[in-house]
Amino acid sequence: MPQEMRVPRERPRTVGGKTEKIRTGHGNTYITINFDDQGKPFEVFTTLGKAGGCDAANLEAISRLASLALRSGIDVKEVIEQLRGITCHPQWDQGVLIKSAPDAIGIVLERHAVGRDRRQLRLTPA
């Protein structure tokens, strides 16, 4: 039985979102989640406090792939599950252990898209 092909939705000219600053082991990371008209996450942008370099390039790639998945109809919980728990240079941020920049993206997605406070999050084993 062939699976149907997912086609990413076009980006509207304007979208609204939320940006959150998270301290990671690579420095301050600014994560923006933009939402569609139904309030579902549509795209992710991530900026590392220090410009350029491999870390910033890798975060751009992760954000582009997460955005592609969200625009293609992949459930945000699936994206979160893939990102949460990835570990590289753990850092505490306001009493919460941020295991990596990808983990931070998962935390922010979960907080704003699923509506749960990060202190209540339960990690699934990676």
C-alpha atoms as a PDB file:
ATOM      1  CA  MET A   1       0.000   0.000   0.000  1.00  0.00           C
ATOM      2  CA  PRO A   2       1.754   3.214  -1.118  1.00  0.00           C
ATOM      3  CA  GLN A   3       2.010   6.049   1.378  1.00  0.00           C
ATOM      4  CA  GLU A   4       0.807   9.466   0.357  1.00  0.00           C
ATOM      5  CA  MET A   5       3.434  12.110  -0.293  1.00  0.00           C
ATOM      6  CA  ARG A   6       3.531  14.965   2.216  1.00  0.00           C
ATOM      7  CA  VAL A   7       3.884  18.411   0.704  1.00  0.00           C
ATOM      8  CA  PRO A   8       5.043  21.283   2.938  1.00  0.00           C
ATOM      9  CA  ARG A   9       2.553  24.119   3.360  1.00  0.00           C
ATOM     10  CA  GLU A  10       3.513  27.459   1.857  1.00  0.00           C
ATOM     11  CA  ARG A  11       4.716  30.090   4.295  1.00  0.00           C
ATOM     12  CA  PRO A  12       2.292  33.001   4.656  1.00  0.00           C
ATOM     13  CA  ARG A  13       3.728  36.492   4.320  1.00  0.00           C
ATOM     14  CA  THR A  14       3.354  37.105   8.064  1.00  0.00           C
ATOM     15  CA  VAL A  15       3.156  34.747  11.022  1.00  0.00           C
ATOM     16  CA  GLY A  16       3.150  35.381  14.766  1.00  0.00           C
ATOM     17  CA  GLY A  17       5.285  33.646  17.307  1.00  0.00           C
ATOM     18  CA  LYS A  18       7.194  33.611  20.562  1.00  0.00           C
ATOM     19  CA  THR A  19      10.917  33.908  21.158  1.00  0.00           C
ATOM     20  CA  GLU A  20      12.560  32.516  24.256  1.00  0.00           C
ATOM     21  CA  LYS A  21      16.115  32.937  25.518  1.00  0.00           C
ATOM     22  CA  ILE A  22      17.601  29.696  26.892  1.00  0.00           C
ATOM     23  CA  ARG A  23      21.070  29.262  28.359  1.00  0.00           C
ATOM     24  CA  THR A  24      22.816  26.264  26.774  1.00  0.00           C
ATOM     25  CA  GLY A  25      26.336  24.868  27.034  1.00  0.00           C
ATOM     26  CA  HIS A  26      27.146  26.750  23.820  1.00  0.00           C
ATOM     27  CA  GLY A  27      25.907  30.114  25.097  1.00  0.00           C
ATOM     28  CA  ASN A  28      22.593  31.935  25.075  1.00  0.00           C
ATOM     29  CA  THR A  29      20.251  30.520  22.461  1.00  0.00           C
ATOM     30  CA  TYR A  30      17.200  32.392  21.169  1.00  0.00           C
ATOM     31  CA  ILE A  31      14.466  30.051  19.958  1.00  0.00           C
ATOM     32  CA  THR A  32      11.504  31.411  17.997  1.00  0.00           C
ATOM     33  CA  ILE A  33       8.404  29.310  17.393  1.00  0.00           C
ATOM     34  CA  ASN A  34       5.988  30.755  14.818  1.00  0.00           C
ATOM     35  CA  PHE A  35       2.384  29.563  14.627  1.00  0.00           C
ATOM     36  CA  ASP A  36      -0.181  29.207  11.828  1.00  0.00           C
ATOM     37  CA  ASP A  37      -3.747  30.628  11.894  1.00  0.00           C
ATOM     38  CA  GLN A  38      -4.958  27.615  13.928  1.00  0.00           C
ATOM     39  CA  GLY A  39      -2.289  28.180  16.586  1.00  0.00           C
ATOM     40  CA  LYS A  40      -0.222  25.148  15.560  1.00  0.00           C
ATOM     41  CA  PRO A  41       3.570  25.476  15.360  1.00  0.00           C
ATOM     42  CA  PHE A  42       4.594  26.251  11.806  1.00  0.00           C
ATOM     43  CA  GLU A  43       8.319  26.956  11.908  1.00  0.00           C
ATOM     44  CA  VAL A  44      11.316  27.203  14.213  1.00  0.00           C
ATOM     45  CA  PHE A  45      14.207  29.668  14.122  1.00  0.00           C
ATOM     46  CA  THR A  46      17.215  29.318  16.388  1.00  0.00           C
ATOM     47  CA  THR A  47      19.951  31.892  16.909  1.00  0.00           C
ATOM     48  CA  LEU A  48      23.037  31.271  18.974  1.00  0.00           C
ATOM     49  CA  GLY A  49      24.194  34.332  20.925  1.00  0.00           C
ATOM     50  CA  LYS A  50      27.590  34.213  19.226  1.00  0.00           C
ATOM     51  CA  ALA A  51      27.327  34.583  15.470  1.00  0.00           C
ATOM     52  CA  GLY A  52      28.738  32.181  12.915  1.00  0.00           C
ATOM     53  CA  GLY A  53      30.579  28.928  13.422  1.00  0.00           C
ATOM     54  CA  CYS A  54      29.659  25.270  13.316  1.00  0.00           C
ATOM     55  CA  ASP A  55      27.292  25.429  16.294  1.00  0.00           C
ATOM     56  CA  ALA A  56      25.184  28.128  14.638  1.00  0.00           C
ATOM     57  CA  ALA A  57      25.206  26.237  11.322  1.00  0.00           C
ATOM     58  CA  ASN A  58      24.089  23.008  13.001  1.00  0.00           C
ATOM     59  CA  LEU A  59      21.274  24.807  14.828  1.00  0.00           C
ATOM     60  CA  GLU A  60      20.137  26.382  11.566  1.00  0.00           C
ATOM     61  CA  ALA A  61      20.010  22.913   9.983  1.00  0.00           C
ATOM     62  CA  ILE A  62      18.036  21.466  12.912  1.00  0.00           C
ATOM     63  CA  SER A  63      15.598  24.389  12.781  1.00  0.00           C
ATOM     64  CA  ARG A  64      15.101  24.050   9.022  1.00  0.00           C
ATOM     65  CA  LEU A  65      14.384  20.322   9.329  1.00  0.00           C
ATOM     66  CA  ALA A  66      12.016  20.846  12.280  1.00  0.00           C
ATOM     67  CA  SER A  67      10.207  23.559  10.297  1.00  0.00           C
ATOM     68  CA  LEU A  68       9.941  21.297   7.248  1.00  0.00           C
ATOM     69  CA  ALA A  69       8.453  18.539   9.415  1.00  0.00           C
ATOM     70  CA  LEU A  70       5.930  20.916  11.017  1.00  0.00           C
ATOM     71  CA  ARG A  71       4.903  22.448   7.670  1.00  0.00           C
ATOM     72  CA  SER A  72       4.501  18.925   6.264  1.00  0.00           C
ATOM     73  CA  GLY A  73       1.972  17.886   8.886  1.00  0.00           C
ATOM     74  CA  ILE A  74       4.216  15.900  11.239  1.00  0.00           C
ATOM     75  CA  ASP A  75       2.760  16.091  14.756  1.00  0.00           C
ATOM     76  CA  VAL A  76       4.747  18.505  16.924  1.00  0.00           C
ATOM     77  CA  LYS A  77       4.966  15.807  19.613  1.00  0.00           C
ATOM     78  CA  GLU A  78       6.974  13.645  17.189  1.00  0.00           C
ATOM     79  CA  VAL A  79       9.417  16.502  16.582  1.00  0.00           C
ATOM     80  CA  ILE A  80       9.708  17.124  20.333  1.00  0.00           C
ATOM     81  CA  GLU A  81      10.359  13.452  21.020  1.00  0.00           C
ATOM     82  CA  GLN A  82      13.246  13.444  18.527  1.00  0.00           C
ATOM     83  CA  LEU A  83      14.909  16.522  20.071  1.00  0.00           C
ATOM     84  CA  ARG A  84      14.376  16.031  23.812  1.00  0.00           C
ATOM     85  CA  GLY A  85      17.143  14.269  25.678  1.00  0.00           C
ATOM     86  CA  ILE A  86      19.946  14.860  23.163  1.00  0.00           C
ATOM     87  CA  THR A  87      22.967  15.626  25.334  1.00  0.00           C
ATOM     88  CA  CYS A  88      26.004  17.826  24.654  1.00  0.00           C
ATOM     89  CA  HIS A  89      27.462  20.244  27.231  1.00  0.00           C
ATOM     90  CA  PRO A  90      24.532  20.273  29.719  1.00  0.00           C
ATOM     91  CA  GLN A  91      23.762  23.634  31.337  1.00  0.00           C
ATOM     92  CA  TRP A  92      21.333  24.719  34.059  1.00  0.00           C
ATOM     93  CA  ASP A  93      18.876  27.473  33.097  1.00  0.00           C
ATOM     94  CA  GLN A  94      16.588  28.790  35.849  1.00  0.00           C
ATOM     95  CA  GLY A  95      16.641  25.485  37.721  1.00  0.00           C
ATOM     96  CA  VAL A  96      16.106  23.318  34.634  1.00  0.00           C
ATOM     97  CA  LEU A  97      18.800  21.118  33.107  1.00  0.00           C
ATOM     98  CA  ILE A  98      19.159  21.956  29.416  1.00  0.00           C
ATOM     99  CA  LYS A  99      20.997  18.958  27.996  1.00  0.00           C
ATOM    100  CA  SER A 100      21.886  20.593  24.653  1.00  0.00           C
ATOM    101  CA  ALA A 101      20.703  23.191  22.162  1.00  0.00           C
ATOM    102  CA  PRO A 102      18.482  20.596  20.382  1.00  0.00           C
ATOM    103  CA  ASP A 103      17.033  19.660  23.797  1.00  0.00           C
ATOM    104  CA  ALA A 104      16.307  23.370  24.354  1.00  0.00           C
ATOM    105  CA  ILE A 105      14.393  23.525  21.053  1.00  0.00           C
ATOM    106  CA  GLY A 106      12.336  20.525  22.169  1.00  0.00           C
ATOM    107  CA  ILE A 107      11.657  22.157  25.542  1.00  0.00           C
ATOM    108  CA  VAL A 108      10.498  25.424  23.973  1.00  0.00           C
ATOM    109  CA  LEU A 109       8.327  23.589  21.423  1.00  0.00           C
ATOM    110  CA  GLU A 110       6.753  21.541  24.189  1.00  0.00           C
ATOM    111  CA  ARG A 111       6.181  24.546  26.413  1.00  0.00           C
ATOM    112  CA  HIS A 112       4.535  26.729  23.773  1.00  0.00           C
ATOM    113  CA  ALA A 113       2.976  24.180  21.413  1.00  0.00           C
ATOM    114  CA  VAL A 114       1.810  21.578  23.888  1.00  0.00           C
ATOM    115  CA  GLY A 115       1.367  24.047  26.750  1.00  0.00           C
ATOM    116  CA  ARG A 116       3.320  22.330  29.506  1.00  0.00           C
ATOM    117  CA  ASP A 117       5.747  23.984  31.878  1.00  0.00           C
ATOM    118  CA  ARG A 118       9.278  22.672  31.475  1.00  0.00           C
ATOM    119  CA  ARG A 119       9.470  21.780  35.173  1.00  0.00           C
ATOM    120  CA  GLN A 120       6.694  19.229  34.588  1.00  0.00           C
ATOM    121  CA  LEU A 121       8.211  17.635  31.496  1.00  0.00           C
ATOM    122  CA  ARG A 122       8.970  13.943  31.531  1.00  0.00           C
ATOM    123  CA  LEU A 123      11.747  12.788  29.261  1.00  0.00           C
ATOM    124  CA  THR A 124      11.367   9.640  27.236  1.00  0.00           C
ATOM    125  CA  PRO A 125      14.588   7.655  27.018  1.00  0.00           C
ATOM    126  CA  ALA A 126      16.530   8.502  23.856  1.00  0.00           C
END
